[in-house]
Amino acid sequence: MMPKDPVMLLSYVNLKLRDFYATLDALCEDLDADRNEIVDKLAGIDYHYDEEKNQFV
């Protein structure tokens, strides 16, 4: 289950991207998560997905 708090979500998603997934799409598919929901929630705390780094920065 994904954390609801945006800061905890940021930490969780970046850890998963760093250690287990080559792309955000792969993470979302494997965890059955809504990509737009993650992107929107993290944009709310001024973090955006950087495909080159495969991290939210």
N, C-alpha and C. Protein backbone atom coordinates (compact mmCIF):
# COMPACT_ATOMS: atom_id res chain seq x y z
N MET A 1 0.84 -1.18 0.00
CA MET A 1 0.00 0.00 0.00
C MET A 1 0.88 1.25 0.00
N MET A 2 0.53 2.18 -0.84
CA MET A 2 1.27 3.44 -0.96
C MET A 2 0.93 4.37 0.20
N PRO A 3 1.94 5.08 0.72
CA PRO A 3 1.66 6.07 1.76
C PRO A 3 0.74 7.17 1.25
N LYS A 4 -0.11 7.69 2.12
CA LYS A 4 -1.02 8.77 1.76
C LYS A 4 -0.36 10.14 1.89
N ASP A 5 0.51 10.28 2.87
CA ASP A 5 1.21 11.55 3.10
C ASP A 5 2.18 11.81 1.95
N PRO A 6 2.13 12.99 1.33
CA PRO A 6 2.97 13.27 0.16
C PRO A 6 4.47 13.12 0.42
N VAL A 7 4.95 13.52 1.57
CA VAL A 7 6.38 13.43 1.87
C VAL A 7 6.80 11.96 2.02
N MET A 8 5.97 11.19 2.68
CA MET A 8 6.25 9.76 2.82
C MET A 8 6.15 9.06 1.46
N LEU A 9 5.19 9.48 0.65
CA LEU A 9 5.05 8.94 -0.70
C LEU A 9 6.29 9.22 -1.52
N LEU A 10 6.80 10.43 -1.44
CA LEU A 10 8.03 10.80 -2.15
C LEU A 10 9.17 9.86 -1.79
N SER A 11 9.38 9.67 -0.52
CA SER A 11 10.46 8.79 -0.05
C SER A 11 10.25 7.36 -0.53
N TYR A 12 9.04 6.87 -0.41
CA TYR A 12 8.70 5.50 -0.80
C TYR A 12 8.92 5.29 -2.30
N VAL A 13 8.36 6.19 -3.11
CA VAL A 13 8.45 6.04 -4.56
C VAL A 13 9.90 6.17 -5.03
N ASN A 14 10.63 7.14 -4.53
CA ASN A 14 12.03 7.29 -4.96
C ASN A 14 12.88 6.09 -4.56
N LEU A 15 12.62 5.52 -3.40
CA LEU A 15 13.35 4.32 -2.99
C LEU A 15 13.04 3.17 -3.95
N LYS A 16 11.76 2.97 -4.26
CA LYS A 16 11.36 1.90 -5.17
C LYS A 16 11.96 2.11 -6.56
N LEU A 17 11.94 3.36 -7.04
CA LEU A 17 12.51 3.65 -8.36
C LEU A 17 14.01 3.40 -8.37
N ARG A 18 14.68 3.79 -7.32
CA ARG A 18 16.13 3.61 -7.25
C ARG A 18 16.52 2.13 -7.18
N ASP A 19 15.79 1.38 -6.37
CA ASP A 19 16.22 0.00 -6.07
C ASP A 19 15.56 -1.10 -6.91
N PHE A 20 14.36 -0.82 -7.47
CA PHE A 20 13.61 -1.93 -8.08
C PHE A 20 13.05 -1.68 -9.48
N TYR A 21 12.83 -0.43 -9.87
CA TYR A 21 12.13 -0.17 -11.12
C TYR A 21 12.90 0.77 -12.03
N ALA A 22 12.90 0.44 -13.31
CA ALA A 22 13.62 1.25 -14.30
C ALA A 22 12.84 2.50 -14.71
N THR A 23 11.51 2.47 -14.51
CA THR A 23 10.68 3.61 -14.88
C THR A 23 9.51 3.74 -13.91
N LEU A 24 8.91 4.92 -13.90
CA LEU A 24 7.71 5.14 -13.10
C LEU A 24 6.57 4.27 -13.62
N ASP A 25 6.48 4.11 -14.92
CA ASP A 25 5.42 3.27 -15.49
C ASP A 25 5.55 1.82 -15.03
N ALA A 26 6.77 1.32 -14.95
CA ALA A 26 6.99 -0.06 -14.49
C ALA A 26 6.57 -0.21 -13.03
N LEU A 27 6.89 0.78 -12.21
CA LEU A 27 6.48 0.76 -10.80
C LEU A 27 4.97 0.74 -10.70
N CYS A 28 4.31 1.62 -11.44
CA CYS A 28 2.85 1.72 -11.37
C CYS A 28 2.18 0.44 -11.84
N GLU A 29 2.70 -0.13 -12.90
CA GLU A 29 2.12 -1.37 -13.42
C GLU A 29 2.28 -2.50 -12.41
N ASP A 30 3.46 -2.65 -11.85
CA ASP A 30 3.72 -3.74 -10.91
C ASP A 30 2.93 -3.58 -9.61
N LEU A 31 2.81 -2.36 -9.13
CA LEU A 31 2.13 -2.12 -7.85
C LEU A 31 0.65 -1.77 -8.04
N ASP A 32 0.19 -1.79 -9.27
CA ASP A 32 -1.20 -1.44 -9.59
C ASP A 32 -1.55 -0.07 -9.01
N ALA A 33 -0.67 0.89 -9.27
CA ALA A 33 -0.84 2.26 -8.77
C ALA A 33 -1.22 3.19 -9.92
N ASP A 34 -1.90 4.26 -9.59
CA ASP A 34 -2.32 5.25 -10.57
C ASP A 34 -1.20 6.27 -10.76
N ARG A 35 -0.60 6.26 -11.94
CA ARG A 35 0.54 7.16 -12.22
C ARG A 35 0.14 8.62 -12.04
N ASN A 36 -1.01 9.00 -12.58
CA ASN A 36 -1.44 10.40 -12.48
C ASN A 36 -1.66 10.83 -11.04
N GLU A 37 -2.18 9.94 -10.22
CA GLU A 37 -2.39 10.25 -8.80
C GLU A 37 -1.06 10.53 -8.10
N ILE A 38 -0.07 9.70 -8.38
CA ILE A 38 1.26 9.89 -7.77
C ILE A 38 1.87 11.20 -8.25
N VAL A 39 1.85 11.42 -9.56
CA VAL A 39 2.44 12.63 -10.14
C VAL A 39 1.75 13.88 -9.59
N ASP A 40 0.43 13.86 -9.52
CA ASP A 40 -0.31 15.02 -9.02
C ASP A 40 -0.04 15.28 -7.54
N LYS A 41 -0.02 14.21 -6.76
CA LYS A 41 0.21 14.38 -5.32
C LYS A 41 1.61 14.93 -5.05
N LEU A 42 2.60 14.45 -5.78
CA LEU A 42 3.96 14.93 -5.58
C LEU A 42 4.18 16.32 -6.18
N ALA A 43 3.44 16.64 -7.22
CA ALA A 43 3.49 18.01 -7.76
C ALA A 43 2.98 19.01 -6.73
N GLY A 44 2.07 18.55 -5.89
CA GLY A 44 1.53 19.39 -4.83
C GLY A 44 2.57 19.82 -3.80
N ILE A 45 3.66 19.08 -3.71
CA ILE A 45 4.76 19.49 -2.83
C ILE A 45 5.99 19.87 -3.65
N ASP A 46 5.72 20.22 -4.92
CA ASP A 46 6.73 20.75 -5.85
C ASP A 46 7.82 19.75 -6.23
N TYR A 47 7.43 18.49 -6.42
CA TYR A 47 8.34 17.47 -6.93
C TYR A 47 7.78 16.95 -8.25
N HIS A 48 8.67 16.76 -9.21
CA HIS A 48 8.27 16.34 -10.55
C HIS A 48 9.17 15.20 -10.99
N TYR A 49 8.60 14.29 -11.75
CA TYR A 49 9.34 13.11 -12.20
C TYR A 49 10.35 13.49 -13.27
N ASP A 50 11.60 13.11 -13.05
CA ASP A 50 12.68 13.31 -14.01
C ASP A 50 12.99 11.94 -14.62
N GLU A 51 12.59 11.74 -15.87
CA GLU A 51 12.78 10.45 -16.52
C GLU A 51 14.25 10.07 -16.63
N GLU A 52 15.10 11.03 -16.89
CA GLU A 52 16.53 10.76 -17.03
C GLU A 52 17.12 10.22 -15.72
N LYS A 53 16.75 10.82 -14.62
CA LYS A 53 17.25 10.37 -13.30
C LYS A 53 16.41 9.25 -12.72
N ASN A 54 15.20 9.05 -13.27
CA ASN A 54 14.25 8.09 -12.75
C ASN A 54 13.96 8.34 -11.27
N GLN A 55 13.75 9.59 -10.96
CA GLN A 55 13.46 10.02 -9.60
C GLN A 55 12.53 11.23 -9.63
N PHE A 56 11.85 11.46 -8.53
CA PHE A 56 11.14 12.73 -8.36
C PHE A 56 12.12 13.70 -7.74
N VAL A 57 12.26 14.85 -8.38
CA VAL A 57 13.20 15.88 -7.91
C VAL A 57 12.50 17.22 -7.80
